[in-house]
mmCIF file of all heavy atoms, coordinates in Angstrom:
data_MODEL
# 
_entry.id   MODEL 
# 
loop_
_atom_site.group_PDB 
_atom_site.id 
_atom_site.type_symbol 
_atom_site.label_atom_id 
_atom_site.label_alt_id 
_atom_site.label_comp_id 
_atom_site.label_asym_id 
_atom_site.label_entity_id 
_atom_site.label_seq_id 
_atom_site.pdbx_PDB_ins_code 
_atom_site.Cartn_x 
_atom_site.Cartn_y 
_atom_site.Cartn_z 
_atom_site.occupancy 
_atom_site.B_iso_or_equiv 
_atom_site.pdbx_formal_charge 
_atom_site.auth_seq_id 
_atom_site.auth_comp_id 
_atom_site.auth_asym_id 
_atom_site.auth_atom_id 
_atom_site.pdbx_PDB_model_num 
ATOM 1   N N   . SER A 1 1  ? -36.628 -251.624 29.825 1.00 0.00 ? 1  SER A N   1 
ATOM 2   C CA  . SER A 1 1  ? -37.256 -252.857 29.164 1.00 0.00 ? 1  SER A CA  1 
ATOM 3   C C   . SER A 1 1  ? -38.710 -252.880 29.694 1.00 0.00 ? 1  SER A C   1 
ATOM 4   O O   . SER A 1 1  ? -39.069 -252.249 30.640 1.00 0.00 ? 1  SER A O   1 
ATOM 5   C CB  . SER A 1 1  ? -36.467 -254.138 29.500 1.00 0.00 ? 1  SER A CB  1 
ATOM 6   O OG  . SER A 1 1  ? -36.439 -254.332 30.905 1.00 0.00 ? 1  SER A OG  1 
ATOM 7   N N   . LEU A 1 2  ? -39.505 -253.687 28.905 1.00 0.00 ? 2  LEU A N   1 
ATOM 8   C CA  . LEU A 1 2  ? -40.966 -253.673 29.167 1.00 0.00 ? 2  LEU A CA  1 
ATOM 9   C C   . LEU A 1 2  ? -41.418 -255.063 29.706 1.00 0.00 ? 2  LEU A C   1 
ATOM 10  O O   . LEU A 1 2  ? -40.791 -256.025 29.400 1.00 0.00 ? 2  LEU A O   1 
ATOM 11  C CB  . LEU A 1 2  ? -41.714 -253.305 27.918 1.00 0.00 ? 2  LEU A CB  1 
ATOM 12  C CG  . LEU A 1 2  ? -41.430 -251.971 27.335 1.00 0.00 ? 2  LEU A CG  1 
ATOM 13  C CD1 . LEU A 1 2  ? -42.249 -251.766 26.007 1.00 0.00 ? 2  LEU A CD1 1 
ATOM 14  C CD2 . LEU A 1 2  ? -41.802 -250.832 28.311 1.00 0.00 ? 2  LEU A CD2 1 
ATOM 15  N N   . SER A 1 3  ? -42.483 -255.045 30.435 1.00 0.00 ? 3  SER A N   1 
ATOM 16  C CA  . SER A 1 3  ? -43.153 -256.332 30.855 1.00 0.00 ? 3  SER A CA  1 
ATOM 17  C C   . SER A 1 3  ? -44.638 -256.059 31.091 1.00 0.00 ? 3  SER A C   1 
ATOM 18  O O   . SER A 1 3  ? -45.087 -254.934 31.182 1.00 0.00 ? 3  SER A O   1 
ATOM 19  C CB  . SER A 1 3  ? -42.451 -256.865 32.140 1.00 0.00 ? 3  SER A CB  1 
ATOM 20  O OG  . SER A 1 3  ? -42.560 -255.984 33.182 1.00 0.00 ? 3  SER A OG  1 
ATOM 21  N N   . ASP A 1 4  ? -45.397 -257.159 31.195 1.00 0.00 ? 4  ASP A N   1 
ATOM 22  C CA  . ASP A 1 4  ? -46.804 -257.034 31.480 1.00 0.00 ? 4  ASP A CA  1 
ATOM 23  C C   . ASP A 1 4  ? -47.123 -256.755 32.915 1.00 0.00 ? 4  ASP A C   1 
ATOM 24  O O   . ASP A 1 4  ? -48.174 -256.210 33.189 1.00 0.00 ? 4  ASP A O   1 
ATOM 25  C CB  . ASP A 1 4  ? -47.521 -258.335 31.007 1.00 0.00 ? 4  ASP A CB  1 
ATOM 26  C CG  . ASP A 1 4  ? -47.633 -258.521 29.522 1.00 0.00 ? 4  ASP A CG  1 
ATOM 27  O OD1 . ASP A 1 4  ? -47.821 -257.406 28.870 1.00 0.00 ? 4  ASP A OD1 1 
ATOM 28  O OD2 . ASP A 1 4  ? -47.420 -259.600 28.996 1.00 0.00 ? 4  ASP A OD2 1 
ATOM 29  N N   . ALA A 1 5  ? -46.226 -257.183 33.715 1.00 0.00 ? 5  ALA A N   1 
ATOM 30  C CA  . ALA A 1 5  ? -46.495 -257.054 35.179 1.00 0.00 ? 5  ALA A CA  1 
ATOM 31  C C   . ALA A 1 5  ? -45.201 -256.569 35.953 1.00 0.00 ? 5  ALA A C   1 
ATOM 32  O O   . ALA A 1 5  ? -44.104 -256.694 35.400 1.00 0.00 ? 5  ALA A O   1 
ATOM 33  C CB  . ALA A 1 5  ? -46.871 -258.443 35.781 1.00 0.00 ? 5  ALA A CB  1 
ATOM 34  N N   . VAL A 1 6  ? -45.411 -255.924 37.058 1.00 0.00 ? 6  VAL A N   1 
ATOM 35  C CA  . VAL A 1 6  ? -44.248 -255.488 37.864 1.00 0.00 ? 6  VAL A CA  1 
ATOM 36  C C   . VAL A 1 6  ? -43.499 -256.726 38.456 1.00 0.00 ? 6  VAL A C   1 
ATOM 37  O O   . VAL A 1 6  ? -44.152 -257.512 39.112 1.00 0.00 ? 6  VAL A O   1 
ATOM 38  C CB  . VAL A 1 6  ? -44.713 -254.605 39.057 1.00 0.00 ? 6  VAL A CB  1 
ATOM 39  C CG1 . VAL A 1 6  ? -43.591 -254.247 39.992 1.00 0.00 ? 6  VAL A CG1 1 
ATOM 40  C CG2 . VAL A 1 6  ? -45.356 -253.332 38.454 1.00 0.00 ? 6  VAL A CG2 1 
ATOM 41  N N   . PRO A 1 7  ? -42.231 -256.856 38.142 1.00 0.00 ? 7  PRO A N   1 
ATOM 42  C CA  . PRO A 1 7  ? -41.471 -258.039 38.545 1.00 0.00 ? 7  PRO A CA  1 
ATOM 43  C C   . PRO A 1 7  ? -40.907 -257.942 39.933 1.00 0.00 ? 7  PRO A C   1 
ATOM 44  O O   . PRO A 1 7  ? -40.002 -258.724 40.292 1.00 0.00 ? 7  PRO A O   1 
ATOM 45  C CB  . PRO A 1 7  ? -40.429 -258.152 37.471 1.00 0.00 ? 7  PRO A CB  1 
ATOM 46  C CG  . PRO A 1 7  ? -40.074 -256.785 37.144 1.00 0.00 ? 7  PRO A CG  1 
ATOM 47  C CD  . PRO A 1 7  ? -41.426 -256.002 37.197 1.00 0.00 ? 7  PRO A CD  1 
ATOM 48  N N   . PHE A 1 8  ? -41.289 -256.983 40.769 1.00 0.00 ? 8  PHE A N   1 
ATOM 49  C CA  . PHE A 1 8  ? -40.865 -256.857 42.116 1.00 0.00 ? 8  PHE A CA  1 
ATOM 50  C C   . PHE A 1 8  ? -42.045 -256.972 43.100 1.00 0.00 ? 8  PHE A C   1 
ATOM 51  O O   . PHE A 1 8  ? -43.095 -256.480 42.825 1.00 0.00 ? 8  PHE A O   1 
ATOM 52  C CB  . PHE A 1 8  ? -40.149 -255.523 42.327 1.00 0.00 ? 8  PHE A CB  1 
ATOM 53  C CG  . PHE A 1 8  ? -38.991 -255.284 41.446 1.00 0.00 ? 8  PHE A CG  1 
ATOM 54  C CD1 . PHE A 1 8  ? -39.055 -254.499 40.317 1.00 0.00 ? 8  PHE A CD1 1 
ATOM 55  C CD2 . PHE A 1 8  ? -37.746 -255.838 41.810 1.00 0.00 ? 8  PHE A CD2 1 
ATOM 56  C CE1 . PHE A 1 8  ? -37.957 -254.298 39.496 1.00 0.00 ? 8  PHE A CE1 1 
ATOM 57  C CE2 . PHE A 1 8  ? -36.562 -255.666 40.976 1.00 0.00 ? 8  PHE A CE2 1 
ATOM 58  C CZ  . PHE A 1 8  ? -36.763 -254.855 39.829 1.00 0.00 ? 8  PHE A CZ  1 
ATOM 59  N N   . GLY A 1 9  ? -41.783 -257.567 44.223 1.00 0.00 ? 9  GLY A N   1 
ATOM 60  C CA  . GLY A 1 9  ? -42.844 -257.682 45.242 1.00 0.00 ? 9  GLY A CA  1 
ATOM 61  C C   . GLY A 1 9  ? -43.010 -256.511 46.167 1.00 0.00 ? 9  GLY A C   1 
ATOM 62  O O   . GLY A 1 9  ? -44.122 -256.299 46.746 1.00 0.00 ? 9  GLY A O   1 
ATOM 63  N N   . ARG A 1 10 ? -41.977 -255.689 46.279 1.00 0.00 ? 10 ARG A N   1 
ATOM 64  C CA  . ARG A 1 10 ? -42.001 -254.516 47.207 1.00 0.00 ? 10 ARG A CA  1 
ATOM 65  C C   . ARG A 1 10 ? -40.983 -253.517 46.885 1.00 0.00 ? 10 ARG A C   1 
ATOM 66  O O   . ARG A 1 10 ? -40.195 -253.754 45.897 1.00 0.00 ? 10 ARG A O   1 
ATOM 67  C CB  . ARG A 1 10 ? -41.848 -255.043 48.624 1.00 0.00 ? 10 ARG A CB  1 
ATOM 68  C CG  . ARG A 1 10 ? -40.524 -255.696 48.915 1.00 0.00 ? 10 ARG A CG  1 
ATOM 69  C CD  . ARG A 1 10 ? -40.475 -256.409 50.277 1.00 0.00 ? 10 ARG A CD  1 
ATOM 70  N NE  . ARG A 1 10 ? -39.237 -257.156 50.476 1.00 0.00 ? 10 ARG A NE  1 
ATOM 71  C CZ  . ARG A 1 10 ? -38.368 -256.871 51.443 1.00 0.00 ? 10 ARG A CZ  1 
ATOM 72  N NH1 . ARG A 1 10 ? -38.448 -255.784 52.105 1.00 0.00 ? 10 ARG A NH1 1 
ATOM 73  N NH2 . ARG A 1 10 ? -37.254 -257.524 51.608 1.00 0.00 ? 10 ARG A NH2 1 
ATOM 74  N N   . LEU A 1 11 ? -40.884 -252.485 47.636 1.00 0.00 ? 11 LEU A N   1 
ATOM 75  C CA  . LEU A 1 11 ? -39.913 -251.394 47.458 1.00 0.00 ? 11 LEU A CA  1 
ATOM 76  C C   . LEU A 1 11 ? -38.912 -251.541 48.583 1.00 0.00 ? 11 LEU A C   1 
ATOM 77  O O   . LEU A 1 11 ? -39.238 -251.678 49.755 1.00 0.00 ? 11 LEU A O   1 
ATOM 78  C CB  . LEU A 1 11 ? -40.598 -250.001 47.492 1.00 0.00 ? 11 LEU A CB  1 
ATOM 79  C CG  . LEU A 1 11 ? -39.636 -248.836 47.564 1.00 0.00 ? 11 LEU A CG  1 
ATOM 80  C CD1 . LEU A 1 11 ? -38.897 -248.719 46.286 1.00 0.00 ? 11 LEU A CD1 1 
ATOM 81  C CD2 . LEU A 1 11 ? -40.459 -247.563 47.905 1.00 0.00 ? 11 LEU A CD2 1 
ATOM 82  N N   . ARG A 1 12 ? -37.616 -251.466 48.176 1.00 0.00 ? 12 ARG A N   1 
ATOM 83  C CA  . ARG A 1 12 ? -36.510 -251.409 49.130 1.00 0.00 ? 12 ARG A CA  1 
ATOM 84  C C   . ARG A 1 12 ? -35.563 -250.349 48.832 1.00 0.00 ? 12 ARG A C   1 
ATOM 85  O O   . ARG A 1 12 ? -35.122 -250.257 47.679 1.00 0.00 ? 12 ARG A O   1 
ATOM 86  C CB  . ARG A 1 12 ? -35.759 -252.729 49.245 1.00 0.00 ? 12 ARG A CB  1 
ATOM 87  C CG  . ARG A 1 12 ? -36.638 -253.982 49.678 1.00 0.00 ? 12 ARG A CG  1 
ATOM 88  C CD  . ARG A 1 12 ? -35.796 -255.210 49.839 1.00 0.00 ? 12 ARG A CD  1 
ATOM 89  N NE  . ARG A 1 12 ? -35.010 -255.544 48.710 1.00 0.00 ? 12 ARG A NE  1 
ATOM 90  C CZ  . ARG A 1 12 ? -34.005 -256.444 48.662 1.00 0.00 ? 12 ARG A CZ  1 
ATOM 91  N NH1 . ARG A 1 12 ? -33.662 -257.028 49.775 1.00 0.00 ? 12 ARG A NH1 1 
ATOM 92  N NH2 . ARG A 1 12 ? -33.426 -256.758 47.504 1.00 0.00 ? 12 ARG A NH2 1 
ATOM 93  N N   . VAL A 1 13 ? -35.111 -249.529 49.790 1.00 0.00 ? 13 VAL A N   1 
ATOM 94  C CA  . VAL A 1 13 ? -34.080 -248.537 49.601 1.00 0.00 ? 13 VAL A CA  1 
ATOM 95  C C   . VAL A 1 13 ? -33.085 -248.820 50.732 1.00 0.00 ? 13 VAL A C   1 
ATOM 96  O O   . VAL A 1 13 ? -33.380 -248.542 51.879 1.00 0.00 ? 13 VAL A O   1 
ATOM 97  C CB  . VAL A 1 13 ? -34.616 -247.131 49.595 1.00 0.00 ? 13 VAL A CB  1 
ATOM 98  C CG1 . VAL A 1 13 ? -33.453 -246.118 49.340 1.00 0.00 ? 13 VAL A CG1 1 
ATOM 99  C CG2 . VAL A 1 13 ? -35.766 -246.902 48.603 1.00 0.00 ? 13 VAL A CG2 1 
ATOM 100 N N   . ARG A 1 14 ? -31.899 -249.349 50.354 1.00 0.00 ? 14 ARG A N   1 
ATOM 101 C CA  . ARG A 1 14 ? -30.968 -249.884 51.317 1.00 0.00 ? 14 ARG A CA  1 
ATOM 102 C C   . ARG A 1 14 ? -29.669 -249.079 51.336 1.00 0.00 ? 14 ARG A C   1 
ATOM 103 O O   . ARG A 1 14 ? -29.192 -248.692 50.246 1.00 0.00 ? 14 ARG A O   1 
ATOM 104 C CB  . ARG A 1 14 ? -30.724 -251.371 51.050 1.00 0.00 ? 14 ARG A CB  1 
ATOM 105 C CG  . ARG A 1 14 ? -31.919 -252.292 51.093 1.00 0.00 ? 14 ARG A CG  1 
ATOM 106 C CD  . ARG A 1 14 ? -31.608 -253.676 50.700 1.00 0.00 ? 14 ARG A CD  1 
ATOM 107 N NE  . ARG A 1 14 ? -30.501 -254.202 51.549 1.00 0.00 ? 14 ARG A NE  1 
ATOM 108 C CZ  . ARG A 1 14 ? -29.765 -255.265 51.247 1.00 0.00 ? 14 ARG A CZ  1 
ATOM 109 N NH1 . ARG A 1 14 ? -29.955 -255.894 50.098 1.00 0.00 ? 14 ARG A NH1 1 
ATOM 110 N NH2 . ARG A 1 14 ? -28.826 -255.684 52.078 1.00 0.00 ? 14 ARG A NH2 1 
ATOM 111 N N   . LEU A 1 15 ? -29.123 -248.981 52.462 1.00 0.00 ? 15 LEU A N   1 
ATOM 112 C CA  . LEU A 1 15 ? -27.760 -248.436 52.652 1.00 0.00 ? 15 LEU A CA  1 
ATOM 113 C C   . LEU A 1 15 ? -26.723 -249.605 52.758 1.00 0.00 ? 15 LEU A C   1 
ATOM 114 O O   . LEU A 1 15 ? -26.922 -250.527 53.530 1.00 0.00 ? 15 LEU A O   1 
ATOM 115 C CB  . LEU A 1 15 ? -27.630 -247.580 53.929 1.00 0.00 ? 15 LEU A CB  1 
ATOM 116 C CG  . LEU A 1 15 ? -28.600 -246.374 54.018 1.00 0.00 ? 15 LEU A CG  1 
ATOM 117 C CD1 . LEU A 1 15 ? -28.298 -245.605 55.234 1.00 0.00 ? 15 LEU A CD1 1 
ATOM 118 C CD2 . LEU A 1 15 ? -28.557 -245.506 52.750 1.00 0.00 ? 15 LEU A CD2 1 
ATOM 119 N N   . LYS A 1 16 ? -25.679 -249.528 52.017 1.00 0.00 ? 16 LYS A N   1 
ATOM 120 C CA  . LYS A 1 16 ? -24.700 -250.597 51.949 1.00 0.00 ? 16 LYS A CA  1 
ATOM 121 C C   . LYS A 1 16 ? -23.243 -249.941 51.956 1.00 0.00 ? 16 LYS A C   1 
ATOM 122 O O   . LYS A 1 16 ? -23.066 -248.747 51.716 1.00 0.00 ? 16 LYS A O   1 
ATOM 123 C CB  . LYS A 1 16 ? -24.854 -251.453 50.675 1.00 0.00 ? 16 LYS A CB  1 
ATOM 124 C CG  . LYS A 1 16 ? -26.234 -252.198 50.568 1.00 0.00 ? 16 LYS A CG  1 
ATOM 125 C CD  . LYS A 1 16 ? -26.148 -253.144 49.462 1.00 0.00 ? 16 LYS A CD  1 
ATOM 126 C CE  . LYS A 1 16 ? -25.226 -254.325 49.766 1.00 0.00 ? 16 LYS A CE  1 
ATOM 127 N NZ  . LYS A 1 16 ? -25.190 -255.304 48.676 1.00 0.00 ? 16 LYS A NZ  1 
ATOM 128 N N   . ARG A 1 17 ? -22.281 -250.860 52.177 1.00 0.00 ? 17 ARG A N   1 
ATOM 129 C CA  . ARG A 1 17 ? -20.894 -250.378 52.130 1.00 0.00 ? 17 ARG A CA  1 
ATOM 130 C C   . ARG A 1 17 ? -20.436 -250.202 50.723 1.00 0.00 ? 17 ARG A C   1 
ATOM 131 O O   . ARG A 1 17 ? -19.588 -249.240 50.417 1.00 0.00 ? 17 ARG A O   1 
ATOM 132 C CB  . ARG A 1 17 ? -19.974 -251.409 52.823 1.00 0.00 ? 17 ARG A CB  1 
ATOM 133 C CG  . ARG A 1 17 ? -20.161 -251.494 54.285 1.00 0.00 ? 17 ARG A CG  1 
ATOM 134 C CD  . ARG A 1 17 ? -19.202 -252.462 54.937 1.00 0.00 ? 17 ARG A CD  1 
ATOM 135 N NE  . ARG A 1 17 ? -19.355 -252.634 56.325 1.00 0.00 ? 17 ARG A NE  1 
ATOM 136 C CZ  . ARG A 1 17 ? -18.685 -253.355 57.143 1.00 0.00 ? 17 ARG A CZ  1 
ATOM 137 N NH1 . ARG A 1 17 ? -17.763 -254.168 56.612 1.00 0.00 ? 17 ARG A NH1 1 
ATOM 138 N NH2 . ARG A 1 17 ? -18.875 -253.425 58.488 1.00 0.00 ? 17 ARG A NH2 1 
ATOM 139 N N   . GLU A 1 18 ? -20.920 -250.918 49.793 1.00 0.00 ? 18 GLU A N   1 
ATOM 140 C CA  . GLU A 1 18 ? -20.618 -250.802 48.346 1.00 0.00 ? 18 GLU A CA  1 
ATOM 141 C C   . GLU A 1 18 ? -21.864 -251.119 47.572 1.00 0.00 ? 18 GLU A C   1 
ATOM 142 O O   . GLU A 1 18 ? -22.687 -252.005 47.958 1.00 0.00 ? 18 GLU A O   1 
ATOM 143 C CB  . GLU A 1 18 ? -19.567 -251.866 47.910 1.00 0.00 ? 18 GLU A CB  1 
ATOM 144 C CG  . GLU A 1 18 ? -18.175 -251.709 48.569 1.00 0.00 ? 18 GLU A CG  1 
ATOM 145 C CD  . GLU A 1 18 ? -17.302 -252.872 48.175 1.00 0.00 ? 18 GLU A CD  1 
ATOM 146 O OE1 . GLU A 1 18 ? -16.705 -252.815 47.104 1.00 0.00 ? 18 GLU A OE1 1 
ATOM 147 O OE2 . GLU A 1 18 ? -17.091 -253.873 48.947 1.00 0.00 ? 18 GLU A OE2 1 
ATOM 148 N N   . ILE A 1 19 ? -22.074 -250.423 46.411 1.00 0.00 ? 19 ILE A N   1 
ATOM 149 C CA  . ILE A 1 19 ? -23.189 -250.677 45.614 1.00 0.00 ? 19 ILE A CA  1 
ATOM 150 C C   . ILE A 1 19 ? -22.996 -252.016 44.743 1.00 0.00 ? 19 ILE A C   1 
ATOM 151 O O   . ILE A 1 19 ? -23.957 -252.591 44.290 1.00 0.00 ? 19 ILE A O   1 
ATOM 152 C CB  . ILE A 1 19 ? -23.618 -249.542 44.717 1.00 0.00 ? 19 ILE A CB  1 
ATOM 153 C CG1 . ILE A 1 19 ? -22.455 -249.042 43.828 1.00 0.00 ? 19 ILE A CG1 1 
ATOM 154 C CG2 . ILE A 1 19 ? -24.223 -248.410 45.553 1.00 0.00 ? 19 ILE A CG2 1 
ATOM 155 C CD1 . ILE A 1 19 ? -22.834 -247.975 42.832 1.00 0.00 ? 19 ILE A CD1 1 
ATOM 156 N N   . ILE A 1 20 ? -21.773 -252.415 44.596 1.00 0.00 ? 20 ILE A N   1 
ATOM 157 C CA  . ILE A 1 20 ? -21.456 -253.725 44.076 1.00 0.00 ? 20 ILE A CA  1 
ATOM 158 C C   . ILE A 1 20 ? -20.217 -254.156 44.824 1.00 0.00 ? 20 ILE A C   1 
ATOM 159 O O   . ILE A 1 20 ? -19.148 -253.553 44.833 1.00 0.00 ? 20 ILE A O   1 
ATOM 160 C CB  . ILE A 1 20 ? -21.197 -253.701 42.553 1.00 0.00 ? 20 ILE A CB  1 
ATOM 161 C CG1 . ILE A 1 20 ? -20.942 -255.148 42.021 1.00 0.00 ? 20 ILE A CG1 1 
ATOM 162 C CG2 . ILE A 1 20 ? -20.122 -252.719 42.115 1.00 0.00 ? 20 ILE A CG2 1 
ATOM 163 C CD1 . ILE A 1 20 ? -22.100 -256.026 42.137 1.00 0.00 ? 20 ILE A CD1 1 
ATOM 164 N N   . THR A 1 21 ? -20.365 -255.311 45.489 1.00 0.00 ? 21 THR A N   1 
ATOM 165 C CA  . THR A 1 21 ? -19.363 -255.726 46.452 1.00 0.00 ? 21 THR A CA  1 
ATOM 166 C C   . THR A 1 21 ? -18.143 -256.428 45.793 1.00 0.00 ? 21 THR A C   1 
ATOM 167 O O   . THR A 1 21 ? -18.298 -257.501 45.188 1.00 0.00 ? 21 THR A O   1 
ATOM 168 C CB  . THR A 1 21 ? -19.960 -256.648 47.555 1.00 0.00 ? 21 THR A CB  1 
ATOM 169 O OG1 . THR A 1 21 ? -21.076 -256.004 48.146 1.00 0.00 ? 21 THR A OG1 1 
ATOM 170 C CG2 . THR A 1 21 ? -18.943 -257.078 48.625 1.00 0.00 ? 21 THR A CG2 1 
ATOM 171 N N   . MET A 1 22 ? -17.000 -255.828 45.969 1.00 0.00 ? 22 MET A N   1 
ATOM 172 C CA  . MET A 1 22 ? -15.751 -256.416 45.510 1.00 0.00 ? 22 MET A CA  1 
ATOM 173 C C   . MET A 1 22 ? -14.812 -256.607 46.754 1.00 0.00 ? 22 MET A C   1 
ATOM 174 O O   . MET A 1 22 ? -13.864 -257.425 46.650 1.00 0.00 ? 22 MET A O   1 
ATOM 175 C CB  . MET A 1 22 ? -15.113 -255.671 44.436 1.00 0.00 ? 22 MET A CB  1 
ATOM 176 C CG  . MET A 1 22 ? -13.814 -256.261 43.866 1.00 0.00 ? 22 MET A CG  1 
ATOM 177 S SD  . MET A 1 22 ? -12.939 -255.207 42.705 1.00 0.00 ? 22 MET A SD  1 
ATOM 178 C CE  . MET A 1 22 ? -13.496 -255.884 41.143 1.00 0.00 ? 22 MET A CE  1 
ATOM 179 N N   . ARG A 1 23 ? -14.976 -255.828 47.714 1.00 0.00 ? 23 ARG A N   1 
ATOM 180 C CA  . ARG A 1 23 ? -14.086 -255.821 48.934 1.00 0.00 ? 23 ARG A CA  1 
ATOM 181 C C   . ARG A 1 23 ? -12.684 -255.472 48.594 1.00 0.00 ? 23 ARG A C   1 
ATOM 182 O O   . ARG A 1 23 ? -11.744 -256.125 49.029 1.00 0.00 ? 23 ARG A O   1 
ATOM 183 C CB  . ARG A 1 23 ? -14.174 -257.184 49.602 1.00 0.00 ? 23 ARG A CB  1 
ATOM 184 C CG  . ARG A 1 23 ? -15.548 -257.547 50.165 1.00 0.00 ? 23 ARG A CG  1 
ATOM 185 C CD  . ARG A 1 23 ? -15.590 -258.749 51.007 1.00 0.00 ? 23 ARG A CD  1 
ATOM 186 N NE  . ARG A 1 23 ? -16.908 -259.052 51.442 1.00 0.00 ? 23 ARG A NE  1 
ATOM 187 C CZ  . ARG A 1 23 ? -17.452 -260.272 51.382 1.00 0.00 ? 23 ARG A CZ  1 
ATOM 188 N NH1 . ARG A 1 23 ? -16.775 -261.321 50.966 1.00 0.00 ? 23 ARG A NH1 1 
ATOM 189 N NH2 . ARG A 1 23 ? -18.735 -260.455 51.738 1.00 0.00 ? 23 ARG A NH2 1 
ATOM 190 N N   . ARG A 1 24 ? -12.525 -254.465 47.698 1.00 0.00 ? 24 ARG A N   1 
ATOM 191 C CA  . ARG A 1 24 ? -11.278 -253.930 47.333 1.00 0.00 ? 24 ARG A CA  1 
ATOM 192 C C   . ARG A 1 24 ? -11.334 -252.402 47.562 1.00 0.00 ? 24 ARG A C   1 
ATOM 193 O O   . ARG A 1 24 ? -11.648 -251.655 46.702 1.00 0.00 ? 24 ARG A O   1 
ATOM 194 C CB  . ARG A 1 24 ? -10.813 -254.217 45.894 1.00 0.00 ? 24 ARG A CB  1 
ATOM 195 C CG  . ARG A 1 24 ? -10.428 -255.663 45.628 1.00 0.00 ? 24 ARG A CG  1 
ATOM 196 C CD  . ARG A 1 24 ? -9.117  -255.989 46.413 1.00 0.00 ? 24 ARG A CD  1 
ATOM 197 N NE  . ARG A 1 24 ? -8.566  -257.257 46.021 1.00 0.00 ? 24 ARG A NE  1 
ATOM 198 C CZ  . ARG A 1 24 ? -8.891  -258.422 46.553 1.00 0.00 ? 24 ARG A CZ  1 
ATOM 199 N NH1 . ARG A 1 24 ? -9.816  -258.511 47.455 1.00 0.00 ? 24 ARG A NH1 1 
ATOM 200 N NH2 . ARG A 1 24 ? -8.384  -259.520 46.129 1.00 0.00 ? 24 ARG A NH2 1 
ATOM 201 N N   . PRO A 1 25 ? -11.187 -251.932 48.787 1.00 0.00 ? 25 PRO A N   1 
ATOM 202 C CA  . PRO A 1 25 ? -11.418 -250.516 49.080 1.00 0.00 ? 25 PRO A CA  1 
ATOM 203 C C   . PRO A 1 25 ? -10.532 -249.571 48.342 1.00 0.00 ? 25 PRO A C   1 
ATOM 204 O O   . PRO A 1 25 ? -10.885 -248.351 48.179 1.00 0.00 ? 25 PRO A O   1 
ATOM 205 C CB  . PRO A 1 25 ? -11.200 -250.396 50.635 1.00 0.00 ? 25 PRO A CB  1 
ATOM 206 C CG  . PRO A 1 25 ? -10.405 -251.642 50.984 1.00 0.00 ? 25 PRO A CG  1 
ATOM 207 C CD  . PRO A 1 25 ? -10.765 -252.695 49.992 1.00 0.00 ? 25 PRO A CD  1 
ATOM 208 N N   . ALA A 1 26 ? -9.419  -250.029 47.783 1.00 0.00 ? 26 ALA A N   1 
ATOM 209 C CA  . ALA A 1 26 ? -8.536  -249.173 47.000 1.00 0.00 ? 26 ALA A CA  1 
ATOM 210 C C   . ALA A 1 26 ? -9.174  -248.767 45.644 1.00 0.00 ? 26 ALA A C   1 
ATOM 211 O O   . ALA A 1 26 ? -8.775  -247.772 45.045 1.00 0.00 ? 26 ALA A O   1 
ATOM 212 C CB  . ALA A 1 26 ? -7.203  -249.807 46.818 1.00 0.00 ? 26 ALA A CB  1 
ATOM 213 N N   . ILE A 1 27 ? -10.099 -249.554 45.194 1.00 0.00 ? 27 ILE A N   1 
ATOM 214 C CA  . ILE A 1 27 ? -10.820 -249.231 43.932 1.00 0.00 ? 27 ILE A CA  1 
ATOM 215 C C   . ILE A 1 27 ? -11.818 -248.134 44.271 1.00 0.00 ? 27 ILE A C   1 
ATOM 216 O O   . ILE A 1 27 ? -12.792 -248.328 45.012 1.00 0.00 ? 27 ILE A O   1 
ATOM 217 C CB  . ILE A 1 27 ? -11.546 -250.473 43.392 1.00 0.00 ? 27 ILE A CB  1 
ATOM 218 C CG1 . ILE A 1 27 ? -10.536 -251.626 43.304 1.00 0.00 ? 27 ILE A CG1 1 
ATOM 219 C CG2 . ILE A 1 27 ? -12.208 -250.153 42.108 1.00 0.00 ? 27 ILE A CG2 1 
ATOM 220 C CD1 . ILE A 1 27 ? -9.898  -251.766 41.971 1.00 0.00 ? 27 ILE A CD1 1 
# 
């Protein structure tokens, strides 16, 4: 999608347990 300005203030590259948290490890 397009915008006139960058809608983020900074760059973050993070390590997490899940990329979307459900807390159902069987999935």
